[in-house]
Amino acid sequence: MKNSLCFAALLLLVLAGCHHADLPVIPIGGNFTLTDFNNRRFELSSLRGKAVLIFFGYTSCPDVCPTTLSKLSSVYKDLGTESQRVKTVYITVDPGRDTPTVLKEDLSSFRVDAIGLTGTKPEIDTVVKLYGASYEIVPLPNSAEKYAVAHSTTLYALDADGRTRILFPYEASVDDIVKGLKEILETRT
């Protein structure tokens, strides 16, 4: 709850009239390498020149992940032609179930320019730590799923140089995200 309030306060500060020159660089994140949904190695730095939205989740997620992807579908629609300058990076925190094929199939259900990433647990844990995210496997002994994954819901917005500029809380509206992305797209290095 405290983290959500901090993120919401930061979001409000960023969106409450900051000019693009004043958009803060948040000291988290950085380059990483994982496996994409085409089963090829992917480096975040390959997206330099685009604004990037990163979030952590998993394809069996019953609520947060599909809601976030649906919200992002609306964001891309509202951005119009500017959406061509934005890429979404969806990083699984359930590599045991989320193979590249599963990620690709899941993301194909949404109108989002997204790439799904997976890796070994240590690789994913490194990226989770890099962004200050978190997740935990929750056993479900009486379920066919066997376990769920509790995970952070922050949407990390990066500028064209790969610097984290905005942390959107799960509660951020489509309009909030669109406005923030427009600020990022106007940001000069």
C-alpha atoms as a PDB file:
ATOM      1  CA  MET A   1       0.000   0.000   0.000  1.00  0.00           C
ATOM      2  CA  LYS A   2       2.802   2.397   0.936  1.00  0.00           C
ATOM      3  CA  ASN A   3       4.576   1.690  -2.382  1.00  0.00           C
ATOM      4  CA  SER A   4       1.350   2.331  -4.315  1.00  0.00           C
ATOM      5  CA  LEU A   5       0.977   5.684  -2.570  1.00  0.00           C
ATOM      6  CA  CYS A   6       4.592   6.613  -3.358  1.00  0.00           C
ATOM      7  CA  PHE A   7       4.128   5.618  -6.995  1.00  0.00           C
ATOM      8  CA  ALA A   8       0.867   7.547  -7.206  1.00  0.00           C
ATOM      9  CA  ALA A   9       2.519  10.627  -5.689  1.00  0.00           C
ATOM     10  CA  LEU A  10       5.412  10.385  -8.139  1.00  0.00           C
ATOM     11  CA  LEU A  11       2.981   9.957 -11.020  1.00  0.00           C
ATOM     12  CA  LEU A  12       1.035  13.036  -9.941  1.00  0.00           C
ATOM     13  CA  LEU A  13       4.218  15.086  -9.664  1.00  0.00           C
ATOM     14  CA  VAL A  14       5.332  14.027 -13.113  1.00  0.00           C
ATOM     15  CA  LEU A  15       1.962  14.611 -14.717  1.00  0.00           C
ATOM     16  CA  ALA A  16       1.006  17.788 -12.857  1.00  0.00           C
ATOM     17  CA  GLY A  17       2.546  20.139 -15.319  1.00  0.00           C
ATOM     18  CA  CYS A  18       6.196  19.194 -15.519  1.00  0.00           C
ATOM     19  CA  HIS A  19       7.684  20.289 -18.791  1.00  0.00           C
ATOM     20  CA  HIS A  20       9.524  17.662 -20.781  1.00  0.00           C
ATOM     21  CA  ALA A  21      12.902  19.084 -19.755  1.00  0.00           C
ATOM     22  CA  ASP A  22      11.971  18.522 -16.086  1.00  0.00           C
ATOM     23  CA  LEU A  23      10.875  14.890 -16.369  1.00  0.00           C
ATOM     24  CA  PRO A  24      12.958  13.092 -13.723  1.00  0.00           C
ATOM     25  CA  VAL A  25      15.217  10.131 -14.359  1.00  0.00           C
ATOM     26  CA  ILE A  26      14.331   7.466 -11.801  1.00  0.00           C
ATOM     27  CA  PRO A  27      17.455   5.568 -10.709  1.00  0.00           C
ATOM     28  CA  ILE A  28      16.222   2.030 -11.342  1.00  0.00           C
ATOM     29  CA  GLY A  29      16.357  -0.307 -14.306  1.00  0.00           C
ATOM     30  CA  GLY A  30      19.000  -0.799 -16.945  1.00  0.00           C
ATOM     31  CA  ASN A  31      19.879  -3.059 -19.818  1.00  0.00           C
ATOM     32  CA  PHE A  32      19.251  -6.793 -19.633  1.00  0.00           C
ATOM     33  CA  THR A  33      19.135  -9.863 -21.853  1.00  0.00           C
ATOM     34  CA  LEU A  34      16.332 -12.463 -21.844  1.00  0.00           C
ATOM     35  CA  THR A  35      14.686 -14.828 -24.365  1.00  0.00           C
ATOM     36  CA  ASP A  36      11.904 -13.381 -26.495  1.00  0.00           C
ATOM     37  CA  PHE A  37       8.701 -15.034 -27.660  1.00  0.00           C
ATOM     38  CA  ASN A  38      10.450 -16.034 -30.902  1.00  0.00           C
ATOM     39  CA  ASN A  39      12.977 -17.991 -28.813  1.00  0.00           C
ATOM     40  CA  ARG A  40      15.786 -15.520 -29.610  1.00  0.00           C
ATOM     41  CA  ARG A  41      17.992 -13.606 -27.237  1.00  0.00           C
ATOM     42  CA  PHE A  42      16.685 -10.094 -26.671  1.00  0.00           C
ATOM     43  CA  GLU A  43      18.508  -7.088 -25.235  1.00  0.00           C
ATOM     44  CA  LEU A  44      16.543  -4.139 -23.947  1.00  0.00           C
ATOM     45  CA  SER A  45      19.099  -1.833 -25.574  1.00  0.00           C
ATOM     46  CA  SER A  46      17.788  -3.002 -28.976  1.00  0.00           C
ATOM     47  CA  LEU A  47      14.761  -0.746 -28.349  1.00  0.00           C
ATOM     48  CA  ARG A  48      16.792   2.481 -28.065  1.00  0.00           C
ATOM     49  CA  GLY A  49      14.956   5.220 -29.915  1.00  0.00           C
ATOM     50  CA  LYS A  50      11.535   4.097 -28.659  1.00  0.00           C
ATOM     51  CA  ALA A  51       9.657   4.752 -25.454  1.00  0.00           C
ATOM     52  CA  VAL A  52       9.284   1.440 -23.618  1.00  0.00           C
ATOM     53  CA  LEU A  53       6.693   0.188 -21.148  1.00  0.00           C
ATOM     54  CA  ILE A  54       7.880  -2.737 -19.002  1.00  0.00           C
ATOM     55  CA  PHE A  55       5.767  -4.852 -16.726  1.00  0.00           C
ATOM     56  CA  PHE A  56       6.165  -8.154 -14.933  1.00  0.00           C
ATOM     57  CA  GLY A  57       3.434 -10.777 -14.951  1.00  0.00           C
ATOM     58  CA  TYR A  58       2.426 -14.203 -16.184  1.00  0.00           C
ATOM     59  CA  THR A  59      -0.012 -15.615 -18.714  1.00  0.00           C
ATOM     60  CA  SER A  60      -2.092 -17.557 -16.160  1.00  0.00           C
ATOM     61  CA  CYS A  61      -2.697 -14.380 -14.166  1.00  0.00           C
ATOM     62  CA  PRO A  62      -6.447 -14.158 -13.590  1.00  0.00           C
ATOM     63  CA  ASP A  63      -6.797 -10.392 -13.301  1.00  0.00           C
ATOM     64  CA  VAL A  64      -3.913  -7.896 -13.174  1.00  0.00           C
ATOM     65  CA  CYS A  65      -2.084  -8.956 -16.342  1.00  0.00           C
ATOM     66  CA  PRO A  66      -5.058  -9.185 -18.712  1.00  0.00           C
ATOM     67  CA  THR A  67      -6.419  -5.937 -17.279  1.00  0.00           C
ATOM     68  CA  THR A  68      -3.070  -4.215 -17.819  1.00  0.00           C
ATOM     69  CA  LEU A  69      -2.816  -5.507 -21.389  1.00  0.00           C
ATOM     70  CA  SER A  70      -6.384  -4.380 -22.110  1.00  0.00           C
ATOM     71  CA  LYS A  71      -5.594  -0.960 -20.673  1.00  0.00           C
ATOM     72  CA  LEU A  72      -2.475  -0.779 -22.845  1.00  0.00           C
ATOM     73  CA  SER A  73      -4.554  -1.661 -25.916  1.00  0.00           C
ATOM     74  CA  SER A  74      -6.537   1.520 -25.203  1.00  0.00           C
ATOM     75  CA  VAL A  75      -3.321   3.480 -24.630  1.00  0.00           C
ATOM     76  CA  TYR A  76      -1.979   2.449 -28.046  1.00  0.00           C
ATOM     77  CA  LYS A  77      -5.297   3.360 -29.679  1.00  0.00           C
ATOM     78  CA  ASP A  78      -5.384   6.771 -27.985  1.00  0.00           C
ATOM     79  CA  LEU A  79      -1.772   7.509 -28.964  1.00  0.00           C
ATOM     80  CA  GLY A  80      -2.674   7.119 -32.645  1.00  0.00           C
ATOM     81  CA  THR A  81       0.402   7.354 -34.892  1.00  0.00           C
ATOM     82  CA  GLU A  82       2.587   8.156 -31.856  1.00  0.00           C
ATOM     83  CA  SER A  83       2.062   4.525 -30.768  1.00  0.00           C
ATOM     84  CA  GLN A  84       4.627   3.525 -33.410  1.00  0.00           C
ATOM     85  CA  ARG A  85       7.253   5.062 -31.125  1.00  0.00           C
ATOM     86  CA  VAL A  86       6.250   2.880 -28.135  1.00  0.00           C
ATOM     87  CA  LYS A  87       7.063  -0.776 -27.387  1.00  0.00           C
ATOM     88  CA  THR A  88       5.716  -2.841 -24.486  1.00  0.00           C
ATOM     89  CA  VAL A  89       7.950  -5.444 -22.838  1.00  0.00           C
ATOM     90  CA  TYR A  90       6.069  -8.126 -20.895  1.00  0.00           C
ATOM     91  CA  ILE A  91       8.424 -10.135 -18.666  1.00  0.00           C
ATOM     92  CA  THR A  92       7.086 -13.370 -17.229  1.00  0.00           C
ATOM     93  CA  VAL A  93       7.668 -14.237 -13.589  1.00  0.00           C
ATOM     94  CA  ASP A  94       6.489 -17.797 -14.330  1.00  0.00           C
ATOM     95  CA  PRO A  95       9.093 -19.233 -16.708  1.00  0.00           C
ATOM     96  CA  GLY A  96       8.050 -22.801 -15.892  1.00  0.00           C
ATOM     97  CA  ARG A  97       4.707 -22.330 -17.641  1.00  0.00           C
ATOM     98  CA  ASP A  98       5.341 -19.296 -19.839  1.00  0.00           C
ATOM     99  CA  THR A  99       7.362 -20.677 -22.717  1.00  0.00           C
ATOM    100  CA  PRO A 100       8.077 -18.414 -25.698  1.00  0.00           C
ATOM    101  CA  THR A 101       5.168 -20.045 -27.572  1.00  0.00           C
ATOM    102  CA  VAL A 102       2.740 -19.499 -24.684  1.00  0.00           C
ATOM    103  CA  LEU A 103       3.818 -15.851 -24.351  1.00  0.00           C
ATOM    104  CA  LYS A 104       3.399 -15.224 -28.073  1.00  0.00           C
ATOM    105  CA  GLU A 105      -0.057 -16.783 -28.134  1.00  0.00           C
ATOM    106  CA  ASP A 106      -1.187 -14.842 -25.063  1.00  0.00           C
ATOM    107  CA  LEU A 107       0.034 -11.482 -26.372  1.00  0.00           C
ATOM    108  CA  SER A 108      -1.605 -12.057 -29.759  1.00  0.00           C
ATOM    109  CA  SER A 109      -4.970 -11.583 -28.016  1.00  0.00           C
ATOM    110  CA  PHE A 110      -4.245  -7.885 -27.398  1.00  0.00           C
ATOM    111  CA  ARG A 111      -3.770  -4.891 -29.704  1.00  0.00           C
ATOM    112  CA  VAL A 112      -0.456  -3.918 -28.181  1.00  0.00           C
ATOM    113  CA  ASP A 113       2.968  -3.688 -29.818  1.00  0.00           C
ATOM    114  CA  ALA A 114       4.481  -6.020 -27.246  1.00  0.00           C
ATOM    115  CA  ILE A 115       7.258  -8.526 -26.923  1.00  0.00           C
ATOM    116  CA  GLY A 116       7.054 -11.313 -24.367  1.00  0.00           C
ATOM    117  CA  LEU A 117      10.220 -12.281 -22.525  1.00  0.00           C
ATOM    118  CA  THR A 118      11.199 -15.293 -20.498  1.00  0.00           C
ATOM    119  CA  GLY A 119      14.421 -16.818 -19.216  1.00  0.00           C
ATOM    120  CA  THR A 120      15.806 -18.915 -16.437  1.00  0.00           C
ATOM    121  CA  LYS A 121      14.674 -18.102 -12.922  1.00  0.00           C
ATOM    122  CA  PRO A 122      18.080 -16.503 -12.113  1.00  0.00           C
ATOM    123  CA  GLU A 123      17.906 -14.366 -15.278  1.00  0.00           C
ATOM    124  CA  ILE A 124      14.390 -13.189 -14.472  1.00  0.00           C
ATOM    125  CA  ASP A 125      15.291 -12.590 -10.822  1.00  0.00           C
ATOM    126  CA  THR A 126      18.150 -10.335 -11.955  1.00  0.00           C
ATOM    127  CA  VAL A 127      15.791  -8.191 -14.042  1.00  0.00           C
ATOM    128  CA  VAL A 128      13.147  -8.125 -11.287  1.00  0.00           C
ATOM    129  CA  LYS A 129      15.793  -6.846  -8.869  1.00  0.00           C
ATOM    130  CA  LEU A 130      17.103  -4.325 -11.421  1.00  0.00           C
ATOM    131  CA  TYR A 131      13.664  -2.696 -11.556  1.00  0.00           C
ATOM    132  CA  GLY A 132      12.810  -3.071  -7.878  1.00  0.00           C
ATOM    133  CA  ALA A 133       9.880  -5.346  -8.706  1.00  0.00           C
ATOM    134  CA  SER A 134       8.866  -8.438  -6.764  1.00  0.00           C
ATOM    135  CA  TYR A 135       7.040 -11.727  -7.101  1.00  0.00           C
ATOM    136  CA  GLU A 136       6.296 -14.785  -4.994  1.00  0.00           C
ATOM    137  CA  ILE A 137       5.092 -18.284  -5.877  1.00  0.00           C
ATOM    138  CA  VAL A 138       1.911 -19.047  -3.924  1.00  0.00           C
ATOM    139  CA  PRO A 139       1.130 -22.793  -3.681  1.00  0.00           C
ATOM    140  CA  LEU A 140      -2.463 -23.814  -4.486  1.00  0.00           C
ATOM    141  CA  PRO A 141      -2.520 -27.477  -3.438  1.00  0.00           C
ATOM    142  CA  ASN A 142      -6.225 -27.974  -4.212  1.00  0.00           C
ATOM    143  CA  SER A 143      -6.097 -26.355  -7.652  1.00  0.00           C
ATOM    144  CA  ALA A 144      -5.296 -27.722 -11.095  1.00  0.00           C
ATOM    145  CA  GLU A 145      -2.972 -24.725 -11.503  1.00  0.00           C
ATOM    146  CA  LYS A 146      -0.861 -25.948  -8.523  1.00  0.00           C
ATOM    147  CA  TYR A 147       0.341 -22.387  -7.837  1.00  0.00           C
ATOM    148  CA  ALA A 148      -0.294 -18.725  -8.534  1.00  0.00           C
ATOM    149  CA  VAL A 149       2.209 -15.919  -8.649  1.00  0.00           C
ATOM    150  CA  ALA A 150       1.760 -12.814  -6.531  1.00  0.00           C
ATOM    151  CA  HIS A 151       3.638 -10.020  -8.292  1.00  0.00           C
ATOM    152  CA  SER A 152       4.148  -6.286  -8.307  1.00  0.00           C
ATOM    153  CA  THR A 153       1.944  -4.389 -10.732  1.00  0.00           C
ATOM    154  CA  THR A 154       3.992  -1.307 -11.575  1.00  0.00           C
ATOM    155  CA  LEU A 155       4.282  -0.263 -15.207  1.00  0.00           C
ATOM    156  CA  TYR A 156       7.777   1.142 -15.860  1.00  0.00           C
ATOM    157  CA  ALA A 157       7.992   3.811 -18.566  1.00  0.00           C
ATOM    158  CA  LEU A 158      11.398   4.330 -20.174  1.00  0.00           C
ATOM    159  CA  ASP A 159      12.542   7.044 -22.528  1.00  0.00           C
ATOM    160  CA  ALA A 160      14.274   6.518 -25.885  1.00  0.00           C
ATOM    161  CA  ASP A 161      17.629   6.199 -24.105  1.00  0.00           C
ATOM    162  CA  GLY A 162      16.395   3.408 -21.839  1.00  0.00           C
ATOM    163  CA  ARG A 163      16.151   5.552 -18.700  1.00  0.00           C
ATOM    164  CA  THR A 164      13.227   4.965 -16.358  1.00  0.00           C
ATOM    165  CA  ARG A 165      11.116   8.138 -16.285  1.00  0.00           C
ATOM    166  CA  ILE A 166       7.719   7.225 -14.831  1.00  0.00           C
ATOM    167  CA  LEU A 167       6.417   4.462 -12.563  1.00  0.00           C
ATOM    168  CA  PHE A 168       2.726   4.010 -13.249  1.00  0.00           C
ATOM    169  CA  PRO A 169       0.786   2.292 -10.458  1.00  0.00           C
ATOM    170  CA  TYR A 170      -1.763  -0.333 -11.446  1.00  0.00           C
ATOM    171  CA  GLU A 171      -4.498   2.210 -10.729  1.00  0.00           C
ATOM    172  CA  ALA A 172      -3.208   4.644 -13.379  1.00  0.00           C
ATOM    173  CA  SER A 173      -5.862   5.398 -15.972  1.00  0.00           C
ATOM    174  CA  VAL A 174      -5.473   5.140 -19.727  1.00  0.00           C
ATOM    175  CA  ASP A 175      -5.397   8.953 -19.828  1.00  0.00           C
ATOM    176  CA  ASP A 176      -2.623   9.060 -17.195  1.00  0.00           C
ATOM    177  CA  ILE A 177      -0.492   6.632 -19.185  1.00  0.00           C
ATOM    178  CA  VAL A 178      -1.121   8.402 -22.492  1.00  0.00           C
ATOM    179  CA  LYS A 179      -0.206  11.769 -20.957  1.00  0.00           C
ATOM    180  CA  GLY A 180       2.943  10.325 -19.376  1.00  0.00           C
ATOM    181  CA  LEU A 181       4.019   8.665 -22.606  1.00  0.00           C
ATOM    182  CA  LYS A 182       3.527  11.914 -24.514  1.00  0.00           C
ATOM    183  CA  GLU A 183       5.804  13.624 -21.972  1.00  0.00           C
ATOM    184  CA  ILE A 184       8.396  10.897 -22.489  1.00  0.00           C
ATOM    185  CA  LEU A 185       8.127  11.119 -26.266  1.00  0.00           C
ATOM    186  CA  GLU A 186       8.810  14.865 -26.013  1.00  0.00           C
ATOM    187  CA  THR A 187      11.794  14.354 -23.694  1.00  0.00           C
ATOM    188  CA  ARG A 188      15.137  15.473 -25.040  1.00  0.00           C
ATOM    189  CA  THR A 189      18.257  13.648 -23.978  1.00  0.00           C
END
